[in-house]
Protein backbone atom coordinates (compact mmCIF):
# COMPACT_ATOMS: atom_id res chain seq x y z
CA MET A 1 -0.09 -0.09 -0.08
CA PHE A 2 2.92 2.23 1.05
CA ILE A 3 4.57 1.69 -2.39
CA ASN A 4 1.04 2.41 -4.31
CA ILE A 5 1.02 5.82 -2.35
CA LYS A 6 4.94 6.52 -3.04
CA THR A 7 4.15 5.91 -6.74
CA ALA A 8 1.03 8.20 -6.68
CA LEU A 9 2.87 10.96 -5.06
CA GLU A 10 5.56 10.88 -7.77
CA ARG A 11 3.30 10.96 -10.31
CA PHE A 12 1.13 14.11 -9.00
CA THR A 13 1.05 16.81 -11.29
CA LEU A 14 -0.65 20.19 -11.35
CA ALA A 15 -3.61 18.81 -13.15
CA ASP A 16 -4.01 16.52 -10.07
CA LEU A 17 -4.07 18.99 -7.63
CA ALA A 18 -6.83 21.23 -9.77
CA ASP A 19 -8.64 18.36 -9.96
CA ILE A 20 -8.69 17.65 -6.09
CA PHE A 21 -9.35 21.38 -5.67
CA LEU A 22 -12.67 21.23 -8.13
CA VAL A 23 -14.13 18.45 -6.57
CA ALA A 24 -13.20 19.88 -2.67
CA VAL A 25 -15.28 22.80 -3.74
CA ILE A 26 -18.05 21.13 -5.69
CA LEU A 27 -18.49 19.16 -2.45
CA TYR A 28 -18.33 22.08 -0.01
CA THR A 29 -20.68 24.05 -2.21
CA PHE A 30 -23.11 21.21 -1.97
CA PHE A 31 -22.79 20.65 1.76
CA LEU A 32 -23.19 24.20 2.30
CA LEU A 33 -26.15 24.37 0.42
CA ILE A 34 -27.94 21.10 2.07
CA LYS A 35 -27.02 22.23 5.84
CA GLU A 36 -29.34 22.53 8.44
CA THR A 37 -32.22 20.50 5.90
CA LYS A 38 -33.27 17.29 6.07
CA ALA A 39 -31.07 16.41 2.78
CA TYR A 40 -27.75 16.73 5.07
CA GLN A 41 -28.58 13.80 7.14
CA LEU A 42 -29.49 11.81 3.88
CA ALA A 43 -25.97 13.04 2.59
CA ILE A 44 -24.74 11.52 5.84
CA GLY A 45 -26.01 8.04 5.28
CA ILE A 46 -24.84 8.01 1.99
CA ALA A 47 -21.10 8.79 3.00
CA PHE A 48 -21.52 6.09 5.41
CA ILE A 49 -22.73 3.80 2.48
CA GLY A 50 -19.38 4.39 0.65
CA LEU A 51 -17.14 3.88 3.66
CA LEU A 52 -19.21 0.38 3.54
CA PHE A 53 -18.39 -0.18 -0.06
CA LEU A 54 -14.17 0.58 0.55
CA ALA A 55 -14.35 -1.70 3.44
CA SER A 56 -15.83 -4.48 1.52
CA ILE A 57 -13.14 -4.10 -0.84
CA TRP A 58 -10.35 -3.67 1.37
CA ALA A 59 -11.92 -6.50 3.60
CA LYS A 60 -12.81 -8.75 0.27
CA LEU A 61 -16.47 -9.27 1.33
CA VAL A 62 -17.55 -10.29 -2.11
CA VAL A 63 -21.33 -10.51 -1.09
CA SER A 64 -21.33 -7.15 0.30
CA ASN A 65 -19.43 -5.49 -2.14
CA TRP A 66 -21.63 -7.35 -5.24
CA LEU A 67 -24.72 -5.80 -3.17
CA ILE A 68 -23.72 -1.85 -2.75
CA ARG A 69 -22.70 -2.43 -6.28
CA ASN A 70 -25.99 -3.34 -7.44
CA PHE A 71 -27.37 -1.41 -5.15
CA VAL A 72 -25.38 2.21 -6.36
CA THR A 73 -27.59 2.14 -9.66
CA TYR A 74 -31.08 2.78 -7.76
CA LEU A 75 -29.36 5.11 -5.26
CA ILE A 76 -28.60 7.50 -8.17
CA ILE A 77 -31.90 7.90 -9.33
CA ALA A 78 -32.98 7.74 -5.26
CA LEU A 79 -30.74 10.98 -5.05
CA ILE A 80 -32.27 12.72 -8.23
CA ILE A 81 -35.55 12.51 -6.69
CA LEU A 82 -34.78 13.15 -3.05
CA PHE A 83 -32.45 16.16 -3.70
CA GLN A 84 -34.40 17.53 -6.91
CA SER A 85 -34.76 21.16 -4.83
CA GLU A 86 -31.34 21.08 -3.87
CA ILE A 87 -29.76 20.38 -6.74
CA ARG A 88 -32.19 22.80 -8.78
CA ARG A 89 -30.92 25.62 -6.02
CA PHE A 90 -27.03 24.47 -6.59
CA LEU A 91 -27.21 25.11 -10.49
CA THR A 92 -29.22 27.99 -10.32
CA GLY A 93 -26.97 29.24 -8.02
CA ILE A 94 -23.91 28.82 -10.11
CA GLY A 95 -25.85 30.19 -12.95
CA SER A 96 -26.80 33.21 -11.03
CA ARG A 97 -23.33 34.33 -9.47
CA SER A 98 -21.78 37.39 -10.28
CA PHE A 99 -19.47 40.17 -8.79
CA ARG A 100 -22.40 43.10 -7.92
CA LYS A 101 -23.53 40.66 -4.47
CA PRO A 102 -21.41 43.13 -2.17
CA ILE A 103 -22.77 46.23 -4.06
CA VAL A 104 -26.57 45.13 -3.89
CA LEU A 105 -26.13 43.68 0.11
CA ARG A 106 -24.54 46.89 0.63
CA SER A 107 -27.26 48.66 -0.66
CA PHE A 108 -29.90 46.53 1.65
CA GLN A 109 -27.72 47.38 4.37
CA GLU A 110 -28.27 51.14 4.43
CA LYS A 111 -31.97 50.21 4.00
CA ILE A 112 -32.40 47.58 6.53
CA GLU A 113 -33.51 49.85 9.51
CA GLU A 114 -36.26 51.17 7.48
CA LEU A 115 -36.96 47.10 6.86
CA PHE A 116 -36.98 46.53 10.59
CA LEU A 117 -39.08 49.45 11.31
CA ALA A 118 -41.74 48.27 9.18
CA VAL A 119 -41.58 44.78 10.58
CA ASP A 120 -41.32 45.67 14.27
CA TYR A 121 -44.47 47.77 13.49
CA MET A 122 -46.13 45.08 11.84
CA SER A 123 -45.07 42.58 14.48
CA GLN A 124 -46.77 44.86 17.21
CA LYS A 125 -50.07 45.67 15.03
CA LYS A 126 -50.43 41.67 14.05
CA ILE A 127 -50.54 42.69 10.81
CA GLY A 128 -49.10 39.67 8.42
CA ALA A 129 -46.73 39.94 6.16
CA LEU A 130 -44.48 38.39 3.80
CA ILE A 131 -41.04 39.83 2.61
CA ALA A 132 -38.69 37.79 0.22
CA ILE A 133 -34.67 39.35 0.20
CA GLU A 134 -32.84 38.15 -3.20
CA LYS A 135 -29.49 37.20 -2.60
CA GLU A 136 -27.72 35.55 -5.57
CA ILE A 137 -30.19 33.83 -7.55
CA SER A 138 -32.73 36.11 -9.33
CA LEU A 139 -36.41 36.47 -8.16
CA GLU A 140 -37.37 37.88 -11.37
CA ALA A 141 -39.45 35.01 -12.64
CA PHE A 142 -41.61 35.68 -9.00
CA ALA A 143 -41.64 39.36 -9.53
CA ASP A 144 -43.38 39.20 -12.70
CA ARG A 145 -46.06 37.38 -11.03
CA GLY A 146 -46.78 40.39 -8.93
CA ILE A 147 -47.37 44.44 -9.37
CA LYS A 148 -43.89 45.90 -10.18
CA LEU A 149 -42.91 48.87 -7.93
CA ASP A 150 -39.22 49.61 -7.96
CA GLY A 151 -39.79 51.68 -4.81
CA VAL A 152 -37.24 52.41 -2.74
CA VAL A 153 -37.52 50.37 0.63
CA SER A 154 -39.06 52.41 3.55
CA ARG A 155 -41.29 51.79 6.30
CA ASP A 156 -44.10 53.37 5.37
CA LEU A 157 -44.29 51.59 1.88
CA ILE A 158 -43.92 48.20 3.34
CA VAL A 159 -46.25 48.99 5.99
CA SER A 160 -49.00 50.34 3.51
CA ILE A 161 -48.55 47.18 0.89
CA PHE A 162 -49.54 44.81 3.85
CA PHE A 163 -52.22 46.74 5.64
CA PRO A 164 -55.29 44.65 6.09
CA HIS A 165 -57.58 45.21 3.26
CA SER A 166 -54.94 46.60 0.89
CA PRO A 167 -54.77 45.00 -2.69
CA LEU A 168 -51.54 43.95 -2.13
CA HIS A 169 -51.62 42.25 1.35
CA ASP A 170 -51.94 38.70 0.74
CA GLY A 171 -48.77 38.51 -1.25
CA ALA A 172 -45.15 38.85 -0.89
CA ILE A 173 -43.04 41.55 -1.75
CA ILE A 174 -39.64 41.15 -3.16
CA ILE A 175 -36.60 43.16 -1.74
CA ARG A 176 -33.47 43.51 -4.45
CA GLY A 177 -30.77 45.72 -2.62
CA SER A 178 -32.23 49.10 -1.69
CA ASN A 179 -35.66 48.73 -3.71
CA ILE A 180 -38.80 47.00 -3.54
CA LYS A 181 -38.96 45.71 -7.01
CA ALA A 182 -42.92 43.84 -6.81
CA ALA A 183 -45.38 43.17 -4.63
CA GLY A 184 -48.18 40.83 -4.35
CA CYS A 185 -45.96 38.22 -5.88
CA LEU A 186 -47.47 34.67 -5.71
CA LEU A 187 -44.86 32.46 -3.99
CA PRO A 188 -44.52 28.46 -4.33
CA LEU A 189 -45.88 26.09 -2.01
CA PRO A 190 -43.09 23.33 -0.69
CA ALA A 191 -44.34 19.57 -1.77
CA THR A 192 -43.10 18.41 1.51
CA HIS A 193 -42.58 20.44 4.88
CA ASN A 194 -42.18 19.65 8.56
CA LEU A 195 -43.58 22.57 10.30
CA PRO A 196 -44.86 22.41 14.05
CA PRO A 197 -48.51 21.75 14.68
CA ASP A 198 -48.97 25.35 15.26
CA PHE A 199 -47.75 26.40 11.69
CA GLN A 200 -49.57 23.63 9.58
CA THR A 201 -52.46 25.69 8.02
CA ARG A 202 -50.45 29.18 7.85
CA THR A 203 -49.86 29.77 3.87
CA ARG A 204 -47.53 32.59 4.37
CA HIS A 205 -45.07 30.57 6.49
CA LEU A 206 -45.33 27.40 3.72
CA ALA A 207 -44.78 29.85 0.98
CA ALA A 208 -41.49 31.09 2.55
CA ILE A 209 -40.34 27.72 3.08
CA GLY A 210 -41.26 26.94 -0.44
CA LEU A 211 -39.50 30.06 -1.78
CA SER A 212 -36.47 29.41 0.23
CA HIS A 213 -36.57 25.48 -1.06
CA GLU A 214 -36.51 26.71 -5.00
CA THR A 215 -33.92 29.60 -4.03
CA ASP A 216 -31.18 30.97 -1.78
CA ALA A 217 -33.66 34.15 -0.86
CA ALA A 218 -33.89 34.53 2.54
CA VAL A 219 -37.78 35.11 3.82
CA ILE A 220 -38.96 37.17 6.73
CA VAL A 221 -42.40 36.10 7.73
CA VAL A 222 -44.67 38.05 10.26
CA SER A 223 -47.70 36.24 11.23
CA GLU A 224 -50.75 38.05 11.71
CA GLU A 225 -52.30 35.70 14.55
CA SER A 226 -49.65 35.54 16.90
CA GLY A 227 -47.19 38.72 15.47
CA LEU A 228 -44.43 36.56 15.63
CA ILE A 229 -41.50 36.75 12.98
CA SER A 230 -39.74 33.79 11.45
CA LEU A 231 -36.86 33.93 9.04
CA ALA A 232 -36.97 30.69 6.06
CA THR A 233 -33.61 29.79 4.57
CA ARG A 234 -32.72 26.76 2.43
CA GLY A 235 -36.17 25.29 3.25
CA ALA A 236 -36.11 25.84 6.99
CA LEU A 237 -38.16 28.12 9.00
CA LYS A 238 -37.09 29.73 12.62
CA ARG A 239 -38.61 31.67 14.61
CA PHE A 240 -36.89 34.71 16.26
CA GLN A 241 -37.97 36.49 19.65
CA ASN A 242 -36.38 39.93 19.01
CA ARG A 243 -35.00 42.13 16.35
CA ASP A 244 -31.45 42.01 17.23
CA GLU A 245 -31.38 37.78 16.90
CA LEU A 246 -33.15 38.36 13.47
CA GLU A 247 -31.00 40.65 11.89
CA GLY A 248 -27.94 39.03 12.96
CA ALA A 249 -29.37 35.72 11.42
CA LEU A 250 -30.12 37.77 8.17
CA LEU A 251 -26.86 39.16 7.51
CA ASP A 252 -24.74 36.52 8.57
CA TYR A 253 -26.74 34.35 5.69
CA LEU A 254 -26.75 37.29 3.18
CA ARG A 255 -23.11 37.08 3.39
CA GLN A 256 -22.30 34.02 3.06
């Protein structure tokens, strides 16, 4: 074995180094994408099966090796089905990456105070709201389903949109940088979800999860029943007790 390792090191080239680096980047990006989702546990299970396969080769376990090799074909199909939303978000993210992210994030941070003034007010008054914040994957397709605004983010504008009986209060607003691109937007609902019992029939929360499943957007939800504030990212929904925690989690996610 040591002879094989020595031979491999002697034949090691820059192309091999680039190959290893590329694979490492792909794996790191994929695991970052599925982090804190149910796909993460599935990925760990698949890695365990891979280790069993290597062990069966090393220990010359013929039957075990044969079973695992024949299982791999069906496993690939299962992976495509189980990880379809993650794979779609991963490929879309690659196609959407650009150098404008720091500029957009900076312009968003300039208006974040206005956003949270609106969120705080709506939370206190129990005004339901759904706010999607674009990261790298474009939300233009969802903005096209609503009413185009292209207005600067402000407390008064956001509150007026979600005020009860407003024509646009049932949909979502989409924020790109410092602008509200559209309001009254329809967001996709997830095929499956793991919401607690008190969330089960809440369409806003389901829509937030659905969009964060399909894109890398961060979605803020204000419940009209309780006034509680939640944040959906990567297909997971988390409640926050105060503004500072929410703001910190949102900015940390957008900077990633």
